[in-house]
Amino acid sequence: MIPFGFVIANPEQNAIAGAFLIFSFIGTGTSFLAFAVMAGKRGIENPVYRNKSLYYMSGLTEGSETIGCFVLLCLLPEHFATIAFVFGAACWFTTFTRIYSGFHTLR
């Protein structure tokens, strides 16, 4: 909702960056959940996160980094586009590394 709020507040300047950031979040979430489903079906467990109910695959952009990004956006709203594109690129890095790691783990 935070990126969408910035888009609503200033659609002329923030629409493309906001759409890219939201799309990037979809990439990180789906890569995480898709691998968790496949790992669950194959009985693969992550030894680092034994108490998690599903396979927890870490990445560069996780919960605390996302919250940090949102705080930065709120502190520097005039730089929304730049921050959104940089953090979105980091999310895509996470997505691609999860896909790569997932293929190697499932082999």
PDB file of N, CA and C in Angstrom:
ATOM      1  N   MET A   1       0.812  -1.203   0.000  1.00  0.00           N
ATOM      2  CA  MET A   1       0.000   0.000   0.000  1.00  0.00           C
ATOM      3  C   MET A   1       0.856   1.268   0.000  1.00  0.00           C
ATOM      4  N   ILE A   2       2.035   1.201   0.588  1.00  0.00           N
ATOM      5  CA  ILE A   2       2.862   2.413   0.646  1.00  0.00           C
ATOM      6  C   ILE A   2       3.285   2.870  -0.754  1.00  0.00           C
ATOM      7  N   PRO A   3       3.830   1.986  -1.605  1.00  0.00           N
ATOM      8  CA  PRO A   3       4.152   2.465  -2.957  1.00  0.00           C
ATOM      9  C   PRO A   3       2.916   2.959  -3.713  1.00  0.00           C
ATOM     10  N   PHE A   4       1.796   2.277  -3.531  1.00  0.00           N
ATOM     11  CA  PHE A   4       0.567   2.694  -4.196  1.00  0.00           C
ATOM     12  C   PHE A   4       0.132   4.077  -3.712  1.00  0.00           C
ATOM     13  N   GLY A   5       0.319   4.362  -2.433  1.00  0.00           N
ATOM     14  CA  GLY A   5       0.006   5.685  -1.891  1.00  0.00           C
ATOM     15  C   GLY A   5       0.829   6.777  -2.547  1.00  0.00           C
ATOM     16  N   PHE A   6       2.108   6.496  -2.800  1.00  0.00           N
ATOM     17  CA  PHE A   6       2.948   7.477  -3.488  1.00  0.00           C
ATOM     18  C   PHE A   6       2.497   7.679  -4.929  1.00  0.00           C
ATOM     19  N   VAL A   7       2.045   6.625  -5.570  1.00  0.00           N
ATOM     20  CA  VAL A   7       1.527   6.736  -6.931  1.00  0.00           C
ATOM     21  C   VAL A   7       0.263   7.590  -6.956  1.00  0.00           C
ATOM     22  N   ILE A   8      -0.646   7.343  -6.012  1.00  0.00           N
ATOM     23  CA  ILE A   8      -1.886   8.124  -5.937  1.00  0.00           C
ATOM     24  C   ILE A   8      -1.572   9.596  -5.653  1.00  0.00           C
ATOM     25  N   ALA A   9      -0.591   9.846  -4.782  1.00  0.00           N
ATOM     26  CA  ALA A   9      -0.255  11.216  -4.395  1.00  0.00           C
ATOM     27  C   ALA A   9       0.315  12.025  -5.556  1.00  0.00           C
ATOM     28  N   ASN A  10       1.068  11.356  -6.438  1.00  0.00           N
ATOM     29  CA  ASN A  10       1.696  12.071  -7.543  1.00  0.00           C
ATOM     30  C   ASN A  10       1.848  11.120  -8.733  1.00  0.00           C
ATOM     31  N   PRO A  11       0.751  10.816  -9.417  1.00  0.00           N
ATOM     32  CA  PRO A  11       0.812   9.820 -10.484  1.00  0.00           C
ATOM     33  C   PRO A  11       1.714  10.202 -11.655  1.00  0.00           C
ATOM     34  N   GLU A  12       1.813  11.479 -11.954  1.00  0.00           N
ATOM     35  CA  GLU A  12       2.639  11.896 -13.080  1.00  0.00           C
ATOM     36  C   GLU A  12       4.110  11.568 -12.874  1.00  0.00           C
ATOM     37  N   GLN A  13       4.592  11.690 -11.652  1.00  0.00           N
ATOM     38  CA  GLN A  13       6.008  11.435 -11.387  1.00  0.00           C
ATOM     39  C   GLN A  13       6.285  10.048 -10.823  1.00  0.00           C
ATOM     40  N   ASN A  14       5.297   9.427 -10.172  1.00  0.00           N
ATOM     41  CA  ASN A  14       5.575   8.190  -9.432  1.00  0.00           C
ATOM     42  C   ASN A  14       4.969   6.919 -10.018  1.00  0.00           C
ATOM     43  N   ALA A  15       4.150   7.042 -11.065  1.00  0.00           N
ATOM     44  CA  ALA A  15       3.420   5.870 -11.555  1.00  0.00           C
ATOM     45  C   ALA A  15       4.341   4.756 -12.044  1.00  0.00           C
ATOM     46  N   ILE A  16       5.290   5.073 -12.888  1.00  0.00           N
ATOM     47  CA  ILE A  16       6.166   4.031 -13.456  1.00  0.00           C
ATOM     48  C   ILE A  16       7.038   3.421 -12.368  1.00  0.00           C
ATOM     49  N   ALA A  17       7.638   4.247 -11.535  1.00  0.00           N
ATOM     50  CA  ALA A  17       8.488   3.727 -10.455  1.00  0.00           C
ATOM     51  C   ALA A  17       7.673   2.901  -9.468  1.00  0.00           C
ATOM     52  N   GLY A  18       6.471   3.353  -9.145  1.00  0.00           N
ATOM     53  CA  GLY A  18       5.614   2.614  -8.222  1.00  0.00           C
ATOM     54  C   GLY A  18       5.188   1.277  -8.798  1.00  0.00           C
ATOM     55  N   ALA A  19       4.827   1.273 -10.079  1.00  0.00           N
ATOM     56  CA  ALA A  19       4.442   0.017 -10.733  1.00  0.00           C
ATOM     57  C   ALA A  19       5.624  -0.953 -10.769  1.00  0.00           C
ATOM     58  N   PHE A  20       6.810  -0.454 -11.047  1.00  0.00           N
ATOM     59  CA  PHE A  20       8.006  -1.301 -11.058  1.00  0.00           C
ATOM     60  C   PHE A  20       8.268  -1.890  -9.680  1.00  0.00           C
ATOM     61  N   LEU A  21       8.129  -1.082  -8.641  1.00  0.00           N
ATOM     62  CA  LEU A  21       8.376  -1.565  -7.287  1.00  0.00           C
ATOM     63  C   LEU A  21       7.351  -2.621  -6.880  1.00  0.00           C
ATOM     64  N   ILE A  22       6.090  -2.369  -7.152  1.00  0.00           N
ATOM     65  CA  ILE A  22       5.049  -3.353  -6.812  1.00  0.00           C
ATOM     66  C   ILE A  22       5.266  -4.642  -7.605  1.00  0.00           C
ATOM     67  N   PHE A  23       5.588  -4.530  -8.883  1.00  0.00           N
ATOM     68  CA  PHE A  23       5.881  -5.693  -9.713  1.00  0.00           C
ATOM     69  C   PHE A  23       7.079  -6.461  -9.151  1.00  0.00           C
ATOM     70  N   SER A  24       8.057  -5.746  -8.645  1.00  0.00           N
ATOM     71  CA  SER A  24       9.238  -6.377  -8.047  1.00  0.00           C
ATOM     72  C   SER A  24       8.870  -7.145  -6.781  1.00  0.00           C
ATOM     73  N   PHE A  25       7.970  -6.595  -5.991  1.00  0.00           N
ATOM     74  CA  PHE A  25       7.494  -7.302  -4.794  1.00  0.00           C
ATOM     75  C   PHE A  25       6.789  -8.605  -5.174  1.00  0.00           C
ATOM     76  N   ILE A  26       6.054  -8.578  -6.267  1.00  0.00           N
ATOM     77  CA  ILE A  26       5.386  -9.792  -6.728  1.00  0.00           C
ATOM     78  C   ILE A  26       6.428 -10.852  -7.095  1.00  0.00           C
ATOM     79  N   GLY A  27       7.511 -10.434  -7.711  1.00  0.00           N
ATOM     80  CA  GLY A  27       8.582 -11.373  -8.060  1.00  0.00           C
ATOM     81  C   GLY A  27       9.203 -12.026  -6.834  1.00  0.00           C
ATOM     82  N   THR A  28       9.507 -11.228  -5.814  1.00  0.00           N
ATOM     83  CA  THR A  28      10.130 -11.817  -4.623  1.00  0.00           C
ATOM     84  C   THR A  28       9.163 -12.739  -3.895  1.00  0.00           C
ATOM     85  N   GLY A  29       7.911 -12.321  -3.805  1.00  0.00           N
ATOM     86  CA  GLY A  29       6.926 -13.142  -3.097  1.00  0.00           C
ATOM     87  C   GLY A  29       6.628 -14.449  -3.800  1.00  0.00           C
ATOM     88  N   THR A  30       6.439 -14.390  -5.109  1.00  0.00           N
ATOM     89  CA  THR A  30       6.113 -15.620  -5.835  1.00  0.00           C
ATOM     90  C   THR A  30       7.298 -16.570  -5.910  1.00  0.00           C
ATOM     91  N   SER A  31       8.510 -16.055  -6.047  1.00  0.00           N
ATOM     92  CA  SER A  31       9.679 -16.953  -6.070  1.00  0.00           C
ATOM     93  C   SER A  31       9.847 -17.631  -4.715  1.00  0.00           C
ATOM     94  N   PHE A  32       9.586 -16.907  -3.648  1.00  0.00           N
ATOM     95  CA  PHE A  32       9.667 -17.467  -2.294  1.00  0.00           C
ATOM     96  C   PHE A  32       8.620 -18.562  -2.099  1.00  0.00           C
ATOM     97  N   LEU A  33       7.369 -18.239  -2.419  1.00  0.00           N
ATOM     98  CA  LEU A  33       6.275 -19.178  -2.184  1.00  0.00           C
ATOM     99  C   LEU A  33       6.311 -20.369  -3.136  1.00  0.00           C
ATOM    100  N   ALA A  34       6.684 -20.148  -4.393  1.00  0.00           N
ATOM    101  CA  ALA A  34       6.760 -21.263  -5.341  1.00  0.00           C
ATOM    102  C   ALA A  34       7.790 -22.283  -4.884  1.00  0.00           C
ATOM    103  N   PHE A  35       8.944 -21.817  -4.431  1.00  0.00           N
ATOM    104  CA  PHE A  35       9.943 -22.773  -3.963  1.00  0.00           C
ATOM    105  C   PHE A  35       9.482 -23.462  -2.684  1.00  0.00           C
ATOM    106  N   ALA A  36       8.828 -22.736  -1.796  1.00  0.00           N
ATOM    107  CA  ALA A  36       8.337 -23.333  -0.553  1.00  0.00           C
ATOM    108  C   ALA A  36       7.361 -24.470  -0.850  1.00  0.00           C
ATOM    109  N   VAL A  37       6.501 -24.282  -1.841  1.00  0.00           N
ATOM    110  CA  VAL A  37       5.552 -25.334  -2.222  1.00  0.00           C
ATOM    111  C   VAL A  37       6.296 -26.549  -2.759  1.00  0.00           C
ATOM    112  N   MET A  38       7.248 -26.323  -3.654  1.00  0.00           N
ATOM    113  CA  MET A  38       8.002 -27.441  -4.233  1.00  0.00           C
ATOM    114  C   MET A  38       8.844 -28.159  -3.180  1.00  0.00           C
ATOM    115  N   ALA A  39       9.452 -27.397  -2.276  1.00  0.00           N
ATOM    116  CA  ALA A  39      10.247 -28.012  -1.210  1.00  0.00           C
ATOM    117  C   ALA A  39       9.343 -28.822  -0.289  1.00  0.00           C
ATOM    118  N   GLY A  40       8.169 -28.303   0.018  1.00  0.00           N
ATOM    119  CA  GLY A  40       7.221 -29.017   0.865  1.00  0.00           C
ATOM    120  C   GLY A  40       6.766 -30.320   0.238  1.00  0.00           C
ATOM    121  N   LYS A  41       6.505 -30.309  -1.060  1.00  0.00           N
ATOM    122  CA  LYS A  41       6.079 -31.523  -1.756  1.00  0.00           C
ATOM    123  C   LYS A  41       7.169 -32.587  -1.778  1.00  0.00           C
ATOM    124  N   ARG A  42       8.423 -32.144  -1.761  1.00  0.00           N
ATOM    125  CA  ARG A  42       9.540 -33.087  -1.811  1.00  0.00           C
ATOM    126  C   ARG A  42      10.114 -33.398  -0.432  1.00  0.00           C
ATOM    127  N   GLY A  43       9.538 -32.792   0.594  1.00  0.00           N
ATOM    128  CA  GLY A  43      10.006 -33.052   1.955  1.00  0.00           C
ATOM    129  C   GLY A  43      11.351 -32.431   2.281  1.00  0.00           C
ATOM    130  N   ILE A  44      11.710 -31.373   1.575  1.00  0.00           N
ATOM    131  CA  ILE A  44      12.985 -30.690   1.813  1.00  0.00           C
ATOM    132  C   ILE A  44      12.799 -29.688   2.941  1.00  0.00           C
ATOM    133  N   GLU A  45      13.673 -29.728   3.927  1.00  0.00           N
ATOM    134  CA  GLU A  45      13.619 -28.781   5.035  1.00  0.00           C
ATOM    135  C   GLU A  45      14.886 -27.945   5.054  1.00  0.00           C
ATOM    136  N   ASN A  46      14.753 -26.723   5.512  1.00  0.00           N
ATOM    137  CA  ASN A  46      15.900 -25.832   5.639  1.00  0.00           C
ATOM    138  C   ASN A  46      16.464 -25.987   7.046  1.00  0.00           C
ATOM    139  N   PRO A  47      17.691 -26.483   7.181  1.00  0.00           N
ATOM    140  CA  PRO A  47      18.255 -26.715   8.523  1.00  0.00           C
ATOM    141  C   PRO A  47      18.471 -25.438   9.331  1.00  0.00           C
ATOM    142  N   VAL A  48      18.553 -24.292   8.663  1.00  0.00           N
ATOM    143  CA  VAL A  48      18.778 -23.030   9.367  1.00  0.00           C
ATOM    144  C   VAL A  48      17.492 -22.534  10.025  1.00  0.00           C
ATOM    145  N   TYR A  49      16.347 -22.813   9.411  1.00  0.00           N
ATOM    146  CA  TYR A  49      15.055 -22.322   9.894  1.00  0.00           C
ATOM    147  C   TYR A  49      14.135 -23.495  10.226  1.00  0.00           C
ATOM    148  N   ARG A  50      14.520 -24.316  11.176  1.00  0.00           N
ATOM    149  CA  ARG A  50      13.762 -25.521  11.525  1.00  0.00           C
ATOM    150  C   ARG A  50      12.369 -25.217  12.083  1.00  0.00           C
ATOM    151  N   ASN A  51      12.168 -24.062  12.694  1.00  0.00           N
ATOM    152  CA  ASN A  51      10.882 -23.743  13.319  1.00  0.00           C
ATOM    153  C   ASN A  51       9.880 -23.092  12.367  1.00  0.00           C
ATOM    154  N   LYS A  52      10.244 -22.897  11.121  1.00  0.00           N
ATOM    155  CA  LYS A  52       9.330 -22.305  10.140  1.00  0.00           C
ATOM    156  C   LYS A  52       8.406 -23.395   9.603  1.00  0.00           C
ATOM    157  N   SER A  53       7.164 -23.029   9.316  1.00  0.00           N
ATOM    158  CA  SER A  53       6.200 -24.008   8.817  1.00  0.00           C
ATOM    159  C   SER A  53       6.402 -24.319   7.332  1.00  0.00           C
ATOM    160  N   LEU A  54       7.159 -23.495   6.624  1.00  0.00           N
ATOM    161  CA  LEU A  54       7.478 -23.783   5.238  1.00  0.00           C
ATOM    162  C   LEU A  54       8.947 -23.471   5.002  1.00  0.00           C
ATOM    163  N   TYR A  55       9.459 -23.945   3.886  1.00  0.00           N
ATOM    164  CA  TYR A  55      10.875 -23.735   3.585  1.00  0.00           C
ATOM    165  C   TYR A  55      11.130 -22.242   3.446  1.00  0.00           C
ATOM    166  N   TYR A  56      12.008 -21.730   4.269  1.00  0.00           N
ATOM    167  CA  TYR A  56      12.299 -20.299   4.271  1.00  0.00           C
ATOM    168  C   TYR A  56      13.553 -20.064   3.446  1.00  0.00           C
ATOM    169  N   MET A  57      13.389 -19.418   2.297  1.00  0.00           N
ATOM    170  CA  MET A  57      14.506 -19.119   1.409  1.00  0.00           C
ATOM    171  C   MET A  57      14.853 -17.643   1.559  1.00  0.00           C
ATOM    172  N   SER A  58      16.035 -17.360   2.042  1.00  0.00           N
ATOM    173  CA  SER A  58      16.420 -15.965   2.288  1.00  0.00           C
ATOM    174  C   SER A  58      16.797 -15.269   0.984  1.00  0.00           C
ATOM    175  N   GLY A  59      16.964 -13.955   1.070  1.00  0.00           N
ATOM    176  CA  GLY A  59      17.335 -13.162  -0.093  1.00  0.00           C
ATOM    177  C   GLY A  59      17.881 -11.816   0.331  1.00  0.00           C
ATOM    178  N   LEU A  60      18.291 -11.040  -0.640  1.00  0.00           N
ATOM    179  CA  LEU A  60      18.855  -9.713  -0.372  1.00  0.00           C
ATOM    180  C   LEU A  60      17.806  -8.764   0.202  1.00  0.00           C
ATOM    181  N   THR A  61      16.587  -8.838  -0.303  1.00  0.00           N
ATOM    182  CA  THR A  61      15.513  -7.948   0.150  1.00  0.00           C
ATOM    183  C   THR A  61      14.466  -8.770   0.895  1.00  0.00           C
ATOM    184  N   GLU A  62      14.433  -8.599   2.189  1.00  0.00           N
ATOM    185  CA  GLU A  62      13.475  -9.307   3.028  1.00  0.00           C
ATOM    186  C   GLU A  62      12.676  -8.285   3.828  1.00  0.00           C
ATOM    187  N   GLY A  63      12.101  -8.708   4.929  1.00  0.00           N
ATOM    188  CA  GLY A  63      11.208  -7.853   5.712  1.00  0.00           C
ATOM    189  C   GLY A  63      11.840  -6.576   6.225  1.00  0.00           C
ATOM    190  N   SER A  64      12.973  -6.688   6.901  1.00  0.00           N
ATOM    191  CA  SER A  64      13.570  -5.486   7.497  1.00  0.00           C
ATOM    192  C   SER A  64      14.083  -4.528   6.426  1.00  0.00           C
ATOM    193  N   GLU A  65      14.587  -5.059   5.317  1.00  0.00           N
ATOM    194  CA  GLU A  65      15.050  -4.182   4.239  1.00  0.00           C
ATOM    195  C   GLU A  65      13.869  -3.441   3.608  1.00  0.00           C
ATOM    196  N   THR A  66      12.752  -4.133   3.481  1.00  0.00           N
ATOM    197  CA  THR A  66      11.564  -3.502   2.914  1.00  0.00           C
ATOM    198  C   THR A  66      11.036  -2.400   3.829  1.00  0.00           C
ATOM    199  N   ILE A  67      10.995  -2.676   5.111  1.00  0.00           N
ATOM    200  CA  ILE A  67      10.568  -1.644   6.066  1.00  0.00           C
ATOM    201  C   ILE A  67      11.524  -0.461   6.022  1.00  0.00           C
ATOM    202  N   GLY A  68      12.824  -0.742   5.952  1.00  0.00           N
ATOM    203  CA  GLY A  68      13.811   0.331   5.828  1.00  0.00           C
ATOM    204  C   GLY A  68      13.587   1.166   4.586  1.00  0.00           C
ATOM    205  N   CYS A  69      13.257   0.503   3.478  1.00  0.00           N
ATOM    206  CA  CYS A  69      12.956   1.220   2.234  1.00  0.00           C
ATOM    207  C   CYS A  69      11.739   2.118   2.411  1.00  0.00           C
ATOM    208  N   PHE A  70      10.697   1.592   3.062  1.00  0.00           N
ATOM    209  CA  PHE A  70       9.485   2.385   3.277  1.00  0.00           C
ATOM    210  C   PHE A  70       9.765   3.597   4.167  1.00  0.00           C
ATOM    211  N   VAL A  71      10.578   3.420   5.182  1.00  0.00           N
ATOM    212  CA  VAL A  71      10.946   4.543   6.048  1.00  0.00           C
ATOM    213  C   VAL A  71      11.702   5.590   5.237  1.00  0.00           C
ATOM    214  N   LEU A  72      12.648   5.123   4.423  1.00  0.00           N
ATOM    215  CA  LEU A  72      13.414   6.034   3.579  1.00  0.00           C
ATOM    216  C   LEU A  72      12.500   6.789   2.607  1.00  0.00           C
ATOM    217  N   LEU A  73      11.527   6.089   2.035  1.00  0.00           N
ATOM    218  CA  LEU A  73      10.570   6.740   1.139  1.00  0.00           C
ATOM    219  C   LEU A  73       9.776   7.826   1.858  1.00  0.00           C
ATOM    220  N   CYS A  74       9.388   7.536   3.087  1.00  0.00           N
ATOM    221  CA  CYS A  74       8.615   8.519   3.852  1.00  0.00           C
ATOM    222  C   CYS A  74       9.466   9.706   4.291  1.00  0.00           C
ATOM    223  N   LEU A  75      10.745   9.466   4.551  1.00  0.00           N
ATOM    224  CA  LEU A  75      11.647  10.555   4.944  1.00  0.00           C
ATOM    225  C   LEU A  75      12.084  11.401   3.747  1.00  0.00           C
ATOM    226  N   LEU A  76      12.169  10.769   2.581  1.00  0.00           N
ATOM    227  CA  LEU A  76      12.634  11.466   1.380  1.00  0.00           C
ATOM    228  C   LEU A  76      11.645  11.277   0.225  1.00  0.00           C
ATOM    229  N   PRO A  77      10.412  11.743   0.372  1.00  0.00           N
ATOM    230  CA  PRO A  77       9.403  11.486  -0.661  1.00  0.00           C
ATOM    231  C   PRO A  77       9.738  12.071  -2.028  1.00  0.00           C
ATOM    232  N   GLU A  78      10.530  13.110  -2.054  1.00  0.00           N
ATOM    233  CA  GLU A  78      10.902  13.716  -3.334  1.00  0.00           C
ATOM    234  C   GLU A  78      11.812  12.796  -4.157  1.00  0.00           C
ATOM    235  N   HIS A  79      12.385  11.778  -3.515  1.00  0.00           N
ATOM    236  CA  HIS A  79      13.271  10.818  -4.194  1.00  0.00           C
ATOM    237  C   HIS A  79      12.595   9.460  -4.375  1.00  0.00           C
ATOM    238  N   PHE A  80      11.263   9.467  -4.382  1.00  0.00           N
ATOM    239  CA  PHE A  80      10.528   8.206  -4.491  1.00  0.00           C
ATOM    240  C   PHE A  80      10.974   7.388  -5.693  1.00  0.00           C
ATOM    241  N   ALA A  81      11.014   7.988  -6.865  1.00  0.00           N
ATOM    242  CA  ALA A  81      11.323   7.239  -8.084  1.00  0.00           C
ATOM    243  C   ALA A  81      12.693   6.573  -8.002  1.00  0.00           C
ATOM    244  N   THR A  82      13.684   7.312  -7.569  1.00  0.00           N
ATOM    245  CA  THR A  82      15.032   6.756  -7.485  1.00  0.00           C
ATOM    246  C   THR A  82      15.091   5.608  -6.493  1.00  0.00           C
ATOM    247  N   ILE A  83      14.546   5.812  -5.313  1.00  0.00           N
ATOM    248  CA  ILE A  83      14.557   4.771  -4.283  1.00  0.00           C
ATOM    249  C   ILE A  83      13.769   3.554  -4.757  1.00  0.00           C
ATOM    250  N   ALA A  84      12.621   3.778  -5.393  1.00  0.00           N
ATOM    251  CA  ALA A  84      11.789   2.672  -5.874  1.00  0.00           C
ATOM    252  C   ALA A  84      12.515   1.861  -6.940  1.00  0.00           C
ATOM    253  N   PHE A  85      13.178   2.516  -7.865  1.00  0.00           N
ATOM    254  CA  PHE A  85      13.900   1.779  -8.910  1.00  0.00           C
ATOM    255  C   PHE A  85      15.090   1.012  -8.341  1.00  0.00           C
ATOM    256  N   VAL A  86      15.813   1.607  -7.407  1.00  0.00           N
ATOM    257  CA  VAL A  86      16.962   0.922  -6.797  1.00  0.00           C
ATOM    258  C   VAL A  86      16.502  -0.274  -5.976  1.00  0.00           C
ATOM    259  N   PHE A  87      15.498  -0.068  -5.140  1.00  0.00           N
ATOM    260  CA  PHE A  87      15.024  -1.176  -4.315  1.00  0.00           C
ATOM    261  C   PHE A  87      14.331  -2.235  -5.178  1.00  0.00           C
ATOM    262  N   GLY A  88      13.619  -1.812  -6.210  1.00  0.00           N
ATOM    263  CA  GLY A  88      13.008  -2.769  -7.132  1.00  0.00           C
ATOM    264  C   GLY A  88      14.053  -3.628  -7.823  1.00  0.00           C
ATOM    265  N   ALA A  89      15.165  -3.020  -8.229  1.00  0.00           N
ATOM    266  CA  ALA A  89      16.257  -3.785  -8.838  1.00  0.00           C
ATOM    267  C   ALA A  89      16.836  -4.789  -7.842  1.00  0.00           C
ATOM    268  N   ALA A  90      16.977  -4.376  -6.587  1.00  0.00           N
ATOM    269  CA  ALA A  90      17.451  -5.305  -5.555  1.00  0.00           C
ATOM    270  C   ALA A  90      16.464  -6.455  -5.357  1.00  0.00           C
ATOM    271  N   CYS A  91      15.173  -6.163  -5.460  1.00  0.00           N
ATOM    272  CA  CYS A  91      14.155  -7.221  -5.372  1.00  0.00           C
ATOM    273  C   CYS A  91      14.290  -8.195  -6.527  1.00  0.00           C
ATOM    274  N   TRP A  92      14.548  -7.689  -7.730  1.00  0.00           N
ATOM    275  CA  TRP A  92      14.718  -8.590  -8.867  1.00  0.00           C
ATOM    276  C   TRP A  92      15.975  -9.427  -8.717  1.00  0.00           C
ATOM    277  N   PHE A  93      17.021  -8.861  -8.122  1.00  0.00           N
ATOM    278  CA  PHE A  93      18.218  -9.657  -7.830  1.00  0.00           C
ATOM    279  C   PHE A  93      17.844 -10.811  -6.901  1.00  0.00           C
ATOM    280  N   THR A  94      17.056 -10.511  -5.868  1.00  0.00           N
ATOM    281  CA  THR A  94      16.593 -11.545  -4.946  1.00  0.00           C
ATOM    282  C   THR A  94      15.776 -12.597  -5.687  1.00  0.00           C
ATOM    283  N   THR A  95      14.870 -12.164  -6.540  1.00  0.00           N
ATOM    284  CA  THR A  95      14.029 -13.097  -7.290  1.00  0.00           C
ATOM    285  C   THR A  95      14.879 -14.042  -8.133  1.00  0.00           C
ATOM    286  N   PHE A  96      15.822 -13.497  -8.875  1.00  0.00           N
ATOM    287  CA  PHE A  96      16.641 -14.340  -9.746  1.00  0.00           C
ATOM    288  C   PHE A  96      17.566 -15.260  -8.963  1.00  0.00           C
ATOM    289  N   THR A  97      18.102 -14.800  -7.851  1.00  0.00           N
ATOM    290  CA  THR A  97      18.948 -15.694  -7.047  1.00  0.00           C
ATOM    291  C   THR A  97      18.117 -16.796  -6.405  1.00  0.00           C
ATOM    292  N   ARG A  98      16.874 -16.504  -6.030  1.00  0.00           N
ATOM    293  CA  ARG A  98      16.003 -17.553  -5.488  1.00  0.00           C
ATOM    294  C   ARG A  98      15.659 -18.582  -6.559  1.00  0.00           C
ATOM    295  N   ILE A  99      15.382 -18.131  -7.762  1.00  0.00           N
ATOM    296  CA  ILE A  99      15.077 -19.069  -8.850  1.00  0.00           C
ATOM    297  C   ILE A  99      16.290 -19.941  -9.138  1.00  0.00           C
ATOM    298  N   TYR A 100      17.453 -19.329  -9.225  1.00  0.00           N
ATOM    299  CA  TYR A 100      18.692 -20.068  -9.483  1.00  0.00           C
ATOM    300  C   TYR A 100      18.956 -21.084  -8.373  1.00  0.00           C
ATOM    301  N   SER A 101      18.873 -20.630  -7.124  1.00  0.00           N
ATOM    302  CA  SER A 101      19.106 -21.531  -5.987  1.00  0.00           C
ATOM    303  C   SER A 101      18.048 -22.626  -5.935  1.00  0.00           C
ATOM    304  N   GLY A 102      16.813 -22.268  -6.242  1.00  0.00           N
ATOM    305  CA  GLY A 102      15.738 -23.239  -6.221  1.00  0.00           C
ATOM    306  C   GLY A 102      15.952 -24.358  -7.213  1.00  0.00           C
ATOM    307  N   PHE A 103      16.353 -24.014  -8.441  1.00  0.00           N
ATOM    308  CA  PHE A 103      16.622 -25.051  -9.433  1.00  0.00           C
ATOM    309  C   PHE A 103      17.731 -25.984  -8.966  1.00  0.00           C
ATOM    310  N   HIS A 104      18.778 -25.425  -8.386  1.00  0.00           N
ATOM    311  CA  HIS A 104      19.891 -26.263  -7.938  1.00  0.00           C
ATOM    312  C   HIS A 104      19.504 -27.124  -6.728  1.00  0.00           C
ATOM    313  N   THR A 105      18.694 -26.586  -5.861  1.00  0.00           N
ATOM    314  CA  THR A 105      18.270 -27.356  -4.678  1.00  0.00           C
ATOM    315  C   THR A 105      17.313 -28.479  -5.077  1.00  0.00           C
ATOM    316  N   LEU A 106      16.420 -28.211  -5.994  1.00  0.00           N
ATOM    317  CA  LEU A 106      15.431 -29.221  -6.402  1.00  0.00           C
ATOM    318  C   LEU A 106      15.989 -30.293  -7.321  1.00  0.00           C
ATOM    319  N   ARG A 107      17.167 -30.058  -7.880  1.00  0.00           N
ATOM    320  CA  ARG A 107      17.785 -31.083  -8.710  1.00  0.00           C
ATOM    321  C   ARG A 107      18.218 -32.186  -7.844  1.00  0.00           C
TER     322      ARG A 107
END
